[in-house]
Amino acid sequence: MNKRWTIGKIKEFVENNSESKLLTTEYQGFSQKLLFKCGCGNNFEKTFKKFKDNHQRKCEVCQPPKASR
């Protein structure tokens, strides 16, 4: 069964699973980029899928992108 994510559930997930904060106030779907504030103070954008499934939970300064294969 597909779990329906609301902005409230996403905010709760972010608070419980990272040092980042969710700044976006509306959620339109999985392809939408959300705005987060990293624990270091930098803002960054990621889709919720990348944030949740790929553990990309920090800004590019704190968690640099992985090198391509």
Foldseek 3Di string as FASTA:
>chain_A
DDDDDFPVNLQVCLVVPFLKGWPDDGDDDQVDWTWIAFNVGDIDTDGSCCVPVVVPNHDCVVPPDDDDD
